[in-house]
Amino acid sequence: MLRRAVFVVSILIFGAGFAMADDAQFLAAAQANDVITISRLIETGQAVDVRDGNGRTALLVATHADAVEAAAALIAAGADVNAKDGMQDTPYLYAGAEGRTDILKLTLANGANLKDTNRFGGTALIPAAEKGHPENVRLLLAAGVDVDHVNRLGWTALLEAVILTDGGPVHQEIVRDLIAGGADVNLADGQGVSPLAHAKERGFAEIATLLEAAGAK
C-alpha cells in the first residue's frame, strides 16, 4: 500500500515537472514567434493563458516581442486579450501603447475591452498619442475609445500629445487626428491649463494653430 502511494505521488510530481517545463517552453515559443511549437503544445493540452513570473500571459509575452504570428495563433486558440499582468498591462493595452499595430488590430477584432485602463488610469489611446503612434491612434478612435478620457494625472490623449512630446510632425498629425476624432480642445488639465496654453508655453506653433482652428481658447 505504501509503495503504491509513493508511486502515485512520484507520478504526480513527475507530471507537474513536465507541465512546468511545457509552460516555460510555451512562453519561450511565444516570445520567439515559434508558431509550430505553440501549436504542438496546444494540441497536447497546454494552457493558453499560462503566465510568467511577471504575470504576463503567453499572448502578452508575444505582444512585447511584437511576435505577430504567435499572437495570432494564441488568439485563435482562445487567449485572453484583456488578461492583466502585474503592472496592469494587457495584450490590448500594451499593443496600443507601444505601437504593436498588427497585434492591436487582432485584439480589437477579438474582444478588446475599450474601457480598460493601465496603471495610470489611462485608456490605450492616451499612451498611443503620447508615444507617437498615429496609426494606433486612428485605429483606437475608429474602434470607439473615449477620446476625452482623463487619466489619474488629469490628462487626456490630446493633453499628453502636447505636454509630453516635442511637438514635431508626428505629434502634429496625432493632434490633427484627435481633433478630427472629436477631442474637446478646451478640456483643461487638473490645474485648469488648456491644451492651447500648454502648446503656446512650449513654443509648439503648429499645434497651437491646429487647436485654434478647432476653436481652442
Protein backbone atom coordinates (compact mmCIF):
# COMPACT_ATOMS: atom_id res chain seq x y z
CA MET A 1 0.00 0.00 0.00
CA LEU A 2 2.80 2.38 0.98
CA ARG A 3 4.74 1.52 -2.18
CA ARG A 4 1.67 2.29 -4.28
CA ALA A 5 1.19 5.65 -2.55
CA VAL A 6 4.81 6.60 -3.19
CA PHE A 7 4.41 5.57 -6.81
CA VAL A 8 1.30 7.76 -7.22
CA VAL A 9 2.98 10.77 -5.59
CA SER A 10 6.04 10.27 -7.81
CA ILE A 11 3.87 10.24 -10.90
CA LEU A 12 2.14 13.44 -9.80
CA ILE A 13 5.42 15.23 -9.13
CA PHE A 14 6.93 13.92 -12.36
CA GLY A 15 3.86 15.09 -14.29
CA ALA A 16 3.93 18.51 -12.66
CA GLY A 17 7.58 18.87 -13.64
CA PHE A 18 6.72 18.18 -17.24
CA ALA A 19 3.84 20.69 -17.06
CA MET A 20 6.18 23.39 -15.74
CA ALA A 21 8.69 22.59 -18.45
CA ASP A 22 5.95 22.83 -21.09
CA ASP A 23 4.85 26.20 -19.67
CA ALA A 24 8.38 27.56 -19.97
CA GLN A 25 8.71 26.19 -23.48
CA PHE A 26 5.34 27.66 -24.42
CA LEU A 27 6.27 31.12 -23.14
CA ALA A 28 9.63 30.94 -24.92
CA ALA A 29 7.87 29.95 -28.14
CA ALA A 30 5.53 32.94 -27.80
CA GLN A 31 8.49 35.27 -27.45
CA ALA A 32 10.34 33.65 -30.36
CA ASN A 33 7.30 33.76 -32.68
CA ASP A 34 7.53 29.96 -32.92
CA VAL A 35 4.06 29.05 -34.13
CA ILE A 36 4.94 25.40 -34.74
CA THR A 37 5.86 24.83 -31.09
CA ILE A 38 2.89 26.85 -29.87
CA SER A 39 0.50 24.76 -31.97
CA ARG A 40 2.12 21.47 -30.95
CA LEU A 41 1.90 22.26 -27.25
CA ILE A 42 -1.70 23.44 -27.50
CA GLU A 43 -2.61 20.17 -29.22
CA THR A 44 -1.16 18.28 -26.26
CA GLY A 45 -3.28 20.24 -23.78
CA GLN A 46 -1.12 23.26 -22.95
CA ALA A 47 -3.00 26.02 -21.11
CA VAL A 48 -3.08 29.02 -23.43
CA ASP A 49 -3.08 31.74 -20.75
CA VAL A 50 -0.17 30.41 -18.68
CA ARG A 51 1.80 33.27 -17.05
CA ASP A 52 5.46 34.08 -16.48
CA GLY A 53 6.99 35.44 -13.29
CA ASN A 54 5.73 38.94 -14.10
CA GLY A 55 2.16 37.77 -14.54
CA ARG A 56 2.34 38.09 -18.32
CA THR A 57 0.37 35.58 -20.33
CA ALA A 58 1.91 33.98 -23.39
CA LEU A 59 -0.03 36.46 -25.52
CA LEU A 60 1.36 39.42 -23.62
CA VAL A 61 4.86 37.94 -23.95
CA ALA A 62 4.28 37.70 -27.71
CA THR A 63 2.99 41.28 -27.74
CA HIS A 64 6.11 42.57 -26.00
CA ALA A 65 8.19 40.82 -28.68
CA ASP A 66 5.90 42.03 -31.49
CA ALA A 67 5.59 38.38 -32.46
CA VAL A 68 2.56 38.81 -34.71
CA GLU A 69 2.17 35.23 -35.95
CA ALA A 70 2.48 33.85 -32.43
CA ALA A 71 -0.08 36.36 -31.18
CA ALA A 72 -2.48 35.37 -33.96
CA ALA A 73 -2.09 31.68 -33.13
CA LEU A 74 -2.64 32.29 -29.42
CA ILE A 75 -5.73 34.43 -30.01
CA ALA A 76 -7.12 31.80 -32.39
CA ALA A 77 -6.65 29.27 -29.58
CA GLY A 78 -8.66 31.44 -27.18
CA ALA A 79 -6.02 33.59 -25.44
CA ASP A 80 -7.49 36.43 -23.39
CA VAL A 81 -6.64 39.80 -24.97
CA ASN A 82 -7.66 41.53 -21.71
CA ALA A 83 -5.59 39.47 -19.23
CA LYS A 84 -3.63 41.82 -16.96
CA ASP A 85 -0.09 41.35 -15.73
CA GLY A 86 1.45 42.65 -12.52
CA MET A 87 1.78 46.16 -14.00
CA GLN A 88 -1.86 46.26 -15.14
CA ASP A 89 -0.91 45.86 -18.79
CA THR A 90 -2.93 43.65 -21.13
CA PRO A 91 -2.08 42.50 -24.66
CA TYR A 92 -4.56 45.08 -25.95
CA LEU A 93 -3.31 47.96 -23.79
CA TYR A 94 0.35 47.21 -24.44
CA ALA A 95 -0.15 46.82 -28.19
CA GLY A 96 -1.95 50.15 -28.31
CA ALA A 97 0.63 51.99 -26.22
CA GLU A 98 3.78 50.57 -27.78
CA GLY A 99 2.99 50.65 -31.49
CA ARG A 100 2.32 46.94 -31.96
CA THR A 101 -0.17 47.82 -34.67
CA ASP A 102 -0.77 44.39 -36.18
CA ILE A 103 -1.37 42.88 -32.76
CA LEU A 104 -3.59 45.80 -31.81
CA LYS A 105 -5.75 45.01 -34.84
CA LEU A 106 -6.00 41.39 -33.68
CA THR A 107 -7.03 42.37 -30.16
CA LEU A 108 -9.62 44.85 -31.42
CA ALA A 109 -11.14 42.12 -33.57
CA ASN A 110 -11.21 39.67 -30.66
CA GLY A 111 -12.91 41.32 -27.72
CA ALA A 112 -10.58 44.08 -26.53
CA ASN A 113 -12.11 46.00 -23.63
CA LEU A 114 -12.05 49.57 -24.93
CA LYS A 115 -12.78 50.95 -21.45
CA ASP A 116 -9.87 49.14 -19.81
CA THR A 117 -7.17 51.29 -18.26
CA ASN A 118 -3.49 50.96 -17.42
CA ARG A 119 -1.71 51.64 -14.14
CA PHE A 120 -2.03 55.40 -14.76
CA GLY A 121 -5.77 55.15 -15.26
CA GLY A 122 -5.45 55.80 -18.96
CA THR A 123 -7.01 54.06 -21.95
CA ALA A 124 -4.86 52.64 -24.74
CA LEU A 125 -5.41 55.87 -26.69
CA ILE A 126 -3.58 58.13 -24.24
CA PRO A 127 -0.11 56.48 -24.39
CA ALA A 128 -0.56 55.81 -28.12
CA ALA A 129 -0.94 59.57 -28.60
CA GLU A 130 1.92 60.45 -26.26
CA LYS A 131 4.38 57.89 -27.66
CA GLY A 132 3.80 58.86 -31.26
CA HIS A 133 1.81 56.05 -32.87
CA PRO A 134 -0.61 57.77 -35.25
CA GLU A 135 -1.91 54.59 -36.89
CA ASN A 136 -2.77 53.19 -33.47
CA VAL A 137 -4.46 56.46 -32.57
CA ARG A 138 -6.66 56.23 -35.66
CA LEU A 139 -7.46 52.56 -35.03
CA LEU A 140 -8.47 53.24 -31.44
CA LEU A 141 -10.58 56.24 -32.38
CA ALA A 142 -12.32 54.23 -35.08
CA ALA A 143 -12.96 51.43 -32.57
CA GLY A 144 -14.72 53.86 -30.25
CA VAL A 145 -12.26 54.53 -27.42
CA ASP A 146 -13.30 57.61 -25.45
CA VAL A 147 -11.24 60.44 -26.95
CA ASP A 148 -11.69 62.64 -23.86
CA HIS A 149 -10.95 60.07 -21.16
CA VAL A 150 -8.96 61.65 -18.32
CA ASN A 151 -6.26 59.60 -16.58
CA ARG A 152 -5.12 59.86 -12.97
CA LEU A 153 -2.64 62.58 -13.92
CA GLY A 154 -5.54 64.71 -15.10
CA TRP A 155 -4.59 64.40 -18.77
CA THR A 156 -6.45 63.40 -21.93
CA ALA A 157 -4.82 61.97 -25.05
CA LEU A 158 -4.76 65.49 -26.52
CA LEU A 159 -3.07 66.94 -23.45
CA GLU A 160 -0.42 64.20 -23.42
CA ALA A 161 0.20 64.70 -27.15
CA VAL A 162 1.18 68.27 -26.23
CA ILE A 163 2.65 68.11 -22.73
CA LEU A 164 4.87 65.03 -23.06
CA THR A 165 6.17 65.40 -26.62
CA ASP A 166 8.44 67.51 -28.80
CA GLY A 167 5.54 68.93 -30.80
CA GLY A 168 7.05 67.66 -34.05
CA PRO A 169 5.37 66.42 -37.24
CA VAL A 170 4.29 63.06 -35.80
CA HIS A 171 2.52 64.65 -32.86
CA GLN A 172 1.07 67.36 -35.06
CA GLU A 173 -0.50 64.54 -37.08
CA ILE A 174 -1.80 62.94 -33.89
CA VAL A 175 -3.27 66.22 -32.66
CA ARG A 176 -4.98 66.59 -36.03
CA ASP A 177 -6.39 63.05 -35.74
CA LEU A 178 -7.61 63.62 -32.19
CA ILE A 179 -9.36 66.82 -33.23
CA ALA A 180 -10.95 65.00 -36.16
CA GLY A 181 -12.00 62.29 -33.71
CA GLY A 182 -13.95 64.80 -31.65
CA ALA A 183 -11.49 65.71 -28.89
CA ASP A 184 -12.58 68.62 -26.70
CA VAL A 185 -9.84 71.15 -27.48
CA ASN A 186 -10.75 73.20 -24.42
CA LEU A 187 -10.70 70.38 -21.88
CA ALA A 188 -8.05 71.56 -19.41
CA ASP A 189 -5.78 69.57 -17.13
CA GLY A 190 -6.21 69.22 -13.37
CA GLN A 191 -4.69 72.65 -12.82
CA GLY A 192 -7.01 74.31 -15.31
CA VAL A 193 -4.39 74.72 -18.05
CA SER A 194 -5.77 74.18 -21.55
CA PRO A 195 -4.12 72.29 -24.43
CA LEU A 196 -3.65 75.59 -26.26
CA ALA A 197 -1.94 77.20 -23.26
CA HIS A 198 0.41 74.21 -22.97
CA ALA A 199 1.19 74.37 -26.70
CA LYS A 200 1.98 78.09 -26.57
CA GLU A 201 4.09 77.70 -23.42
CA ARG A 202 6.22 75.10 -25.22
CA GLY A 203 6.51 77.05 -28.44
CA PHE A 204 4.54 74.49 -30.46
CA ALA A 205 3.27 76.98 -33.04
CA GLU A 206 1.94 74.35 -35.48
CA ILE A 207 -0.05 72.57 -32.78
CA ALA A 208 -1.34 75.88 -31.44
CA THR A 209 -2.57 76.75 -34.94
CA LEU A 210 -4.36 73.39 -35.23
CA LEU A 211 -6.02 73.91 -31.85
CA GLU A 212 -7.09 77.48 -32.59
CA ALA A 213 -8.58 76.41 -35.92
CA ALA A 214 -10.66 73.89 -33.98
CA GLY A 215 -11.96 76.54 -31.59
CA ALA A 216 -9.44 76.31 -28.77
CA LYS A 217 -9.18 79.24 -26.39
